[in-house]
Protein backbone atom coordinates (compact mmCIF):
# COMPACT_ATOMS: atom_id res chain seq x y z
CA MET A 1 60.28 -133.05 -34.31
CA SER A 2 60.48 -130.11 -37.32
CA ASN A 3 63.39 -127.94 -37.35
CA PRO A 4 62.53 -124.52 -36.93
CA GLN A 5 65.17 -123.07 -39.26
CA ASN A 6 64.04 -125.04 -42.29
CA SER A 7 60.53 -124.29 -41.71
CA ASN A 8 61.57 -120.58 -41.91
CA LYS A 9 63.24 -121.46 -45.10
CA ASN A 10 60.33 -122.98 -46.75
CA GLN A 11 58.42 -119.88 -45.85
CA THR A 12 60.55 -117.76 -47.71
CA ARG A 13 61.68 -120.18 -50.29
CA THR A 14 61.35 -118.64 -53.51
CA ALA A 15 58.28 -120.72 -55.68
CA THR A 16 59.48 -122.78 -58.66
CA LEU A 17 58.17 -124.11 -62.06
CA GLU A 18 57.32 -127.62 -60.15
CA ASP A 19 55.60 -125.67 -57.45
CA VAL A 20 53.54 -123.96 -60.53
CA ALA A 21 53.06 -126.97 -62.36
CA ARG A 22 51.44 -128.77 -58.70
CA ALA A 23 49.28 -126.14 -58.27
CA SER A 24 47.86 -126.05 -61.65
CA GLY A 25 47.52 -129.60 -62.23
CA LEU A 26 49.67 -129.67 -65.29
CA SER A 27 53.27 -131.16 -66.05
CA SER A 28 56.28 -128.96 -65.85
CA MET A 29 56.70 -129.55 -69.37
CA THR A 30 53.61 -127.87 -70.28
CA VAL A 31 53.87 -125.25 -67.81
CA SER A 32 57.03 -124.32 -69.19
CA ARG A 33 55.81 -123.93 -72.65
CA ALA A 34 52.72 -122.01 -71.71
CA LEU A 35 55.21 -119.91 -70.03
CA ASN A 36 57.58 -119.58 -72.50
CA ASN A 37 55.55 -119.86 -75.93
CA PRO A 38 51.94 -119.20 -74.91
CA LYS A 39 50.95 -119.08 -78.61
CA VAL A 40 51.29 -122.72 -79.04
CA VAL A 41 49.44 -123.59 -75.97
CA ARG A 42 45.34 -123.47 -75.69
CA PRO A 43 44.57 -120.16 -73.83
CA SER A 44 42.27 -122.48 -71.46
CA THR A 45 45.46 -124.03 -70.48
CA VAL A 46 47.91 -120.83 -70.61
CA ALA A 47 45.12 -119.32 -68.35
CA ARG A 48 45.48 -122.48 -65.55
CA VAL A 49 49.06 -121.59 -65.73
CA MET A 50 48.77 -118.08 -65.01
CA ASP A 51 45.87 -118.63 -62.09
CA ALA A 52 48.83 -121.20 -60.61
CA VAL A 53 51.63 -118.48 -60.93
CA ASN A 54 49.70 -115.92 -59.40
CA THR A 55 48.90 -118.13 -56.57
CA THR A 56 52.40 -119.12 -55.99
CA GLY A 57 54.17 -115.67 -56.73
CA TYR A 58 56.35 -117.59 -59.36
CA SER A 59 58.64 -115.36 -61.08
CA GLY A 60 61.07 -118.12 -63.08
CA ASN A 61 64.68 -117.60 -63.84
CA MET A 62 65.94 -118.07 -67.17
CA LEU A 63 69.26 -117.35 -66.26
CA ALA A 64 72.02 -120.03 -64.95
CA GLY A 65 71.53 -120.50 -61.18
CA GLY A 66 74.99 -119.26 -60.51
CA LEU A 67 73.95 -115.72 -62.11
CA ALA A 68 70.97 -115.25 -60.01
CA SER A 69 72.56 -112.37 -57.89
CA LYS A 70 74.04 -110.50 -61.05
CA ARG A 71 72.34 -107.92 -63.33
CA SER A 72 70.86 -109.19 -66.76
CA LYS A 73 71.62 -105.79 -68.24
CA LEU A 74 68.23 -106.52 -70.16
CA ILE A 75 65.23 -103.83 -69.87
CA ALA A 76 61.76 -105.21 -71.04
CA VAL A 77 59.86 -102.50 -72.72
CA VAL A 78 56.13 -103.19 -73.23
CA VAL A 79 54.04 -100.90 -75.55
CA PRO A 80 50.90 -101.46 -77.40
CA GLN A 81 51.77 -100.88 -81.42
CA ILE A 82 54.48 -99.54 -83.16
CA ASN A 83 53.24 -99.06 -86.97
CA ASN A 84 53.61 -95.62 -86.53
CA ASN A 85 56.19 -93.17 -84.46
CA MET A 86 53.48 -92.76 -81.94
CA PHE A 87 55.24 -94.94 -79.97
CA ALA A 88 58.38 -95.45 -82.01
CA ASP A 89 60.05 -92.37 -81.27
CA SER A 90 60.03 -93.03 -77.58
CA VAL A 91 61.10 -96.55 -77.92
CA GLU A 92 63.97 -95.43 -80.28
CA ALA A 93 65.15 -92.74 -77.84
CA MET A 94 64.91 -95.21 -74.86
CA SER A 95 66.95 -97.77 -76.80
CA ASP A 96 69.58 -95.14 -77.77
CA GLU A 97 69.87 -93.85 -73.79
CA LEU A 98 69.57 -97.85 -72.33
CA ALA A 99 72.62 -98.64 -74.83
CA GLN A 100 74.97 -95.88 -73.60
CA ARG A 101 74.24 -97.36 -70.10
CA GLY A 102 75.34 -100.79 -71.08
CA TYR A 103 71.57 -101.91 -71.20
CA HIS A 104 69.92 -104.14 -73.91
CA MET A 105 66.32 -103.49 -74.31
CA LEU A 106 63.80 -106.40 -75.17
CA LEU A 107 60.77 -105.10 -77.08
CA CYS A 108 57.45 -106.32 -76.86
CA ILE A 109 54.33 -105.31 -78.71
CA VAL A 110 51.14 -106.40 -76.79
CA GLY A 111 48.15 -104.81 -78.58
CA TYR A 112 45.56 -102.98 -76.57
CA THR A 113 44.12 -105.68 -74.09
CA LEU A 114 45.02 -106.00 -70.47
CA GLU A 115 45.13 -109.65 -70.94
CA SER A 116 47.85 -109.71 -73.35
CA GLU A 117 49.94 -107.49 -71.50
CA ALA A 118 49.62 -109.51 -68.45
CA GLU A 119 50.20 -112.81 -70.25
CA ILE A 120 53.53 -111.00 -72.18
CA VAL A 121 54.73 -109.67 -69.11
CA ALA A 122 54.61 -112.73 -67.42
CA THR A 123 57.20 -114.54 -69.95
CA LEU A 124 59.10 -111.54 -69.88
CA LEU A 125 59.73 -111.69 -65.87
CA SER A 126 61.12 -115.45 -66.38
CA ARG A 127 63.93 -113.64 -68.62
CA ARG A 128 64.48 -111.92 -65.04
CA PRO A 129 65.12 -108.19 -66.85
CA ASP A 130 66.65 -105.73 -64.62
CA GLY A 131 63.75 -103.43 -65.30
CA ILE A 132 60.64 -103.24 -67.19
CA VAL A 133 58.31 -100.21 -69.06
CA LEU A 134 54.94 -100.28 -69.20
CA THR A 135 52.69 -98.48 -71.24
CA GLY A 136 49.79 -96.62 -69.12
CA ILE A 137 48.62 -96.81 -66.02
CA HIS A 138 45.78 -99.50 -66.46
CA HIS A 139 47.17 -103.28 -65.63
CA LYS A 140 45.49 -106.35 -64.67
CA PRO A 141 45.91 -106.95 -60.58
CA GLU A 142 47.59 -110.24 -61.05
CA LEU A 143 50.06 -108.09 -63.25
CA LYS A 144 50.42 -105.75 -60.28
CA ARG A 145 51.09 -108.69 -58.08
CA LEU A 146 53.76 -110.45 -60.31
CA LEU A 147 55.43 -107.33 -60.53
CA LEU A 148 55.60 -106.83 -56.92
CA ASN A 149 57.06 -110.27 -56.19
CA ALA A 150 59.72 -109.94 -59.01
CA ASN A 151 60.88 -107.05 -57.01
CA ILE A 152 62.19 -104.90 -60.01
CA PRO A 153 62.40 -101.14 -61.07
CA VAL A 154 59.37 -100.56 -63.37
CA MET A 155 58.79 -97.43 -65.44
CA GLU A 156 55.04 -96.36 -66.59
CA ILE A 157 55.17 -93.93 -69.31
CA TRP A 158 52.14 -92.13 -71.58
CA ASP A 159 49.72 -91.45 -69.02
CA LEU A 160 49.78 -89.82 -65.40
CA THR A 161 48.67 -90.87 -61.93
CA PRO A 162 49.75 -89.73 -58.53
CA THR A 163 49.76 -93.18 -57.68
CA PRO A 164 52.18 -95.16 -60.13
CA LEU A 165 53.46 -98.59 -59.80
CA ASP A 166 56.86 -97.33 -59.20
CA MET A 167 58.08 -94.59 -61.62
CA LEU A 168 56.20 -92.75 -64.39
CA ILE A 169 56.84 -90.11 -67.14
CA GLY A 170 53.89 -89.01 -69.26
CA PHE A 171 50.91 -86.49 -69.82
CA SER A 172 47.49 -85.92 -68.47
CA HIS A 173 45.16 -86.95 -71.45
CA GLU A 174 42.18 -85.37 -69.41
CA LYS A 175 44.06 -82.21 -69.40
CA ILE A 176 44.61 -82.47 -73.27
CA GLY A 177 40.91 -83.26 -73.96
CA ASN A 178 40.01 -80.37 -72.05
CA ALA A 179 42.70 -78.31 -73.91
CA ILE A 180 40.86 -79.23 -77.10
CA GLY A 181 37.65 -78.37 -75.89
CA HIS A 182 38.36 -75.05 -74.73
CA TYR A 183 40.17 -74.39 -78.15
CA PHE A 184 36.93 -75.14 -80.21
CA LEU A 185 34.53 -73.26 -77.83
CA GLU A 186 36.71 -70.03 -78.42
CA LYS A 187 35.98 -70.58 -81.60
CA GLY A 188 32.29 -70.36 -81.17
CA PHE A 189 31.94 -73.92 -83.20
CA ARG A 190 28.43 -75.52 -81.64
CA ARG A 191 28.46 -78.42 -83.82
CA PHE A 192 30.75 -81.19 -83.41
CA ALA A 193 31.83 -84.93 -84.20
CA LEU A 194 34.07 -87.18 -82.22
CA ILE A 195 35.77 -90.26 -83.72
CA CYS A 196 37.59 -91.87 -80.81
CA ALA A 197 39.31 -95.07 -80.85
CA SER A 198 38.89 -97.63 -78.04
CA ASP A 199 41.88 -97.64 -76.16
CA PRO A 200 41.12 -96.40 -72.76
CA ARG A 201 43.86 -93.19 -72.79
CA ALA A 202 41.96 -92.35 -75.97
CA GLN A 203 38.94 -92.44 -74.07
CA VAL A 204 40.27 -90.23 -71.47
CA ARG A 205 40.85 -87.80 -74.08
CA LYS A 206 37.82 -87.96 -75.61
CA ASN A 207 35.62 -87.66 -72.12
CA GLY A 208 37.86 -84.60 -71.25
CA VAL A 209 36.88 -82.99 -74.41
CA ILE A 210 33.12 -83.84 -73.91
CA ASP A 211 33.20 -82.29 -70.37
CA ILE A 212 34.05 -78.93 -71.54
CA LEU A 213 32.10 -78.74 -74.80
CA ARG A 214 29.16 -79.66 -72.42
CA THR A 215 29.43 -76.51 -70.46
CA ARG A 216 27.59 -74.97 -73.26
CA PRO A 217 24.05 -76.91 -73.55
CA ASP A 218 23.52 -76.00 -77.09
CA ASN A 219 26.38 -77.79 -78.24
CA GLN A 220 25.71 -80.54 -80.29
CA ILE A 221 27.84 -83.86 -80.21
CA SER A 222 28.18 -86.91 -82.01
CA GLU A 223 30.61 -89.83 -81.40
CA VAL A 224 32.33 -92.70 -83.42
CA ILE A 225 34.01 -95.26 -81.47
CA VAL A 226 36.47 -97.10 -83.91
CA PRO A 227 38.76 -100.18 -82.52
CA ALA A 228 42.40 -99.62 -81.51
CA PRO A 229 45.12 -99.21 -83.39
CA ALA A 230 43.19 -96.71 -85.45
CA ASN A 231 44.21 -96.33 -89.18
CA MET A 232 43.24 -93.72 -91.84
CA ALA A 233 40.53 -96.23 -93.51
CA MET A 234 38.78 -96.09 -90.15
CA GLY A 235 39.04 -92.14 -90.27
CA ARG A 236 37.35 -92.12 -93.81
CA GLN A 237 34.56 -94.84 -92.79
CA SER A 238 33.67 -92.56 -89.85
CA LEU A 239 33.16 -89.50 -91.53
CA ARG A 240 31.04 -91.27 -93.84
CA GLN A 241 29.16 -92.58 -91.18
CA LEU A 242 28.81 -89.46 -89.67
CA LEU A 243 27.60 -87.51 -93.06
CA ALA A 244 25.56 -90.47 -93.71
CA SER A 245 22.97 -89.07 -90.67
CA GLY A 246 22.47 -85.83 -92.58
CA GLN A 247 24.04 -84.06 -89.78
CA HIS A 248 26.36 -80.81 -90.24
CA PHE A 249 29.57 -80.69 -88.32
CA GLU A 250 31.87 -77.47 -87.57
CA ALA A 251 34.68 -79.43 -86.55
CA VAL A 252 35.77 -83.28 -86.50
CA ILE A 253 38.06 -84.01 -83.55
CA CYS A 254 40.04 -87.34 -83.96
CA THR A 255 42.03 -89.47 -81.23
CA SER A 256 45.16 -89.82 -83.31
CA ASP A 257 46.71 -87.81 -86.26
CA THR A 258 46.04 -90.90 -88.29
CA LEU A 259 42.25 -90.67 -88.27
CA ALA A 260 42.52 -86.94 -88.80
CA GLN A 261 44.46 -87.52 -91.84
CA GLY A 262 41.69 -90.25 -93.22
CA VAL A 263 38.93 -87.63 -91.92
CA ILE A 264 40.57 -85.14 -94.33
CA MET A 265 41.01 -87.37 -97.51
CA GLU A 266 37.25 -88.47 -96.79
CA ALA A 267 35.92 -84.82 -96.85
CA GLU A 268 38.18 -84.16 -100.23
CA ALA A 269 36.27 -87.06 -101.32
CA GLN A 270 32.91 -85.82 -100.52
CA GLY A 271 33.42 -82.31 -101.97
CA LEU A 272 34.17 -80.46 -98.51
CA GLN A 273 36.84 -78.13 -97.72
CA VAL A 274 39.16 -78.14 -94.63
CA PRO A 275 39.12 -75.88 -92.69
CA GLY A 276 36.58 -74.16 -94.76
CA ASP A 277 33.70 -76.27 -94.42
CA VAL A 278 34.76 -78.32 -91.41
CA SER A 279 37.65 -78.15 -89.03
CA VAL A 280 39.77 -81.40 -88.28
CA MET A 281 41.70 -81.82 -85.26
CA GLY A 282 44.19 -84.98 -84.47
CA PHE A 283 46.39 -86.16 -81.56
CA ALA A 284 49.96 -87.08 -81.11
CA ASP A 285 52.16 -84.81 -83.63
CA LEU A 286 52.95 -87.53 -86.07
CA ASN A 287 55.86 -87.13 -88.59
CA PHE A 288 53.02 -86.58 -91.58
CA ALA A 289 51.12 -84.17 -89.50
CA ALA A 290 52.89 -80.92 -90.52
CA TYR A 291 53.16 -82.07 -94.01
CA ASN A 292 49.80 -83.37 -94.85
CA ARG A 293 47.83 -80.80 -96.94
CA PRO A 294 46.14 -79.20 -95.20
CA ALA A 295 48.60 -79.36 -92.33
CA ILE A 296 46.72 -81.02 -89.34
CA THR A 297 46.09 -79.56 -86.00
CA THR A 298 47.02 -81.46 -83.48
CA VAL A 299 48.25 -81.73 -79.89
CA SER A 300 52.28 -82.45 -79.34
CA VAL A 301 54.00 -84.67 -76.70
CA ASP A 302 57.76 -84.76 -76.23
CA LYS A 303 57.62 -88.43 -77.30
CA VAL A 304 61.94 -88.25 -77.14
CA LYS A 305 61.88 -86.65 -73.98
CA ILE A 306 59.73 -89.89 -72.57
CA GLY A 307 62.14 -92.22 -74.14
CA GLN A 308 65.12 -90.64 -72.68
CA GLN A 309 63.80 -89.37 -69.13
CA ALA A 310 62.09 -93.21 -68.50
CA ALA A 311 65.54 -95.05 -69.76
CA THR A 312 67.50 -92.70 -67.34
CA MET A 313 65.14 -92.96 -64.16
CA LEU A 314 65.02 -96.64 -64.70
CA ALA A 315 68.54 -97.18 -64.86
CA ASP A 316 69.28 -94.91 -62.11
CA LYS A 317 67.32 -96.83 -59.86
CA ILE A 318 68.73 -100.35 -60.93
CA GLU A 319 71.74 -98.84 -60.00
CA GLY A 320 70.91 -97.74 -56.73
CA ARG A 321 71.06 -94.07 -57.66
CA GLU A 322 68.78 -91.26 -55.94
CA ILE A 323 65.79 -90.61 -57.84
CA SER A 324 64.39 -87.11 -57.26
CA GLN A 325 60.91 -87.32 -58.41
CA GLN A 326 58.94 -90.57 -58.80
CA VAL A 327 56.23 -89.18 -61.12
CA VAL A 328 57.29 -86.70 -63.90
CA ASP A 329 54.74 -84.42 -65.89
CA ILE A 330 56.43 -83.46 -69.40
CA GLY A 331 53.28 -81.39 -70.23
CA PHE A 332 51.91 -81.07 -74.09
CA SER A 333 50.92 -78.28 -76.52
CA LEU A 334 48.43 -77.63 -78.90
CA VAL A 335 49.81 -77.15 -82.07
CA VAL A 336 47.70 -74.98 -84.70
CA ARG A 337 48.16 -75.43 -88.06
CA GLU A 338 45.89 -75.35 -91.30
CA SER A 339 42.89 -78.13 -90.64
CA ALA A 340 41.78 -76.04 -87.64
């Protein structure tokens, strides 16, 4: 006869690496390699392992067994890219604030695919961080289940929703798009081009712009979508593509300052004056925007505040302090400069 106490223990037992191996039909060594160094394992094998991880609820522990009940003092921070100060300012502020609280930050660059984010976060969870920071609010369902099973504080940044995974600090991309649309409608413009990166947050901003511009049915709107992360070369190429259509645009609205800078460079190469012949607008108020010639009209968000407050809220929750607000909207400001 089975012992009820043993049965209850089995029901609540934490999944192990061996459980994942059995569920995936792979060896424990292969599973370990797929979780810890997925780049050297075939994608199909990584997918089998991740399916098994989702099924078993495994979130492995890379620490010594006796340390399982103690804090690791490690915070995992996941951002799409860091090759300009779009996210770098937030990350630096977060790192400084966490260091003052005695935490170490593990930074991971995941690109703009949900699949990459899910794979890397699964690996991060095996290090047993005390908390994790994710960029944006769109994640694969499998990742959400992993985070629920991990039972650690989660901070989402750089977006806004009333229903975060746990905590959130950011701003409304839709409202930013709306504000840009109203700004140009008030100028009386009628012919617009939008150059938009393919990431979901940029798409929301673009759609917010279009929703407002279309309130005047006679407005002409053209779009170019470029891969994320966007760069200056894409801005130049996109403007060439738009001008090749033979249309004339009064305003070119870009979903990043980097794209806007490329558009301004190409406009000059094509003999167009900014803003005399065409106005150009960017987003994020990157560190070069105010010093470009012409200076770039853009939307500014407090990137440093996002990092500082995200770190503070996360550390407070880890340490058992009360969090007064689960969702913080830091807002934004439209910065009018020479280009528009």
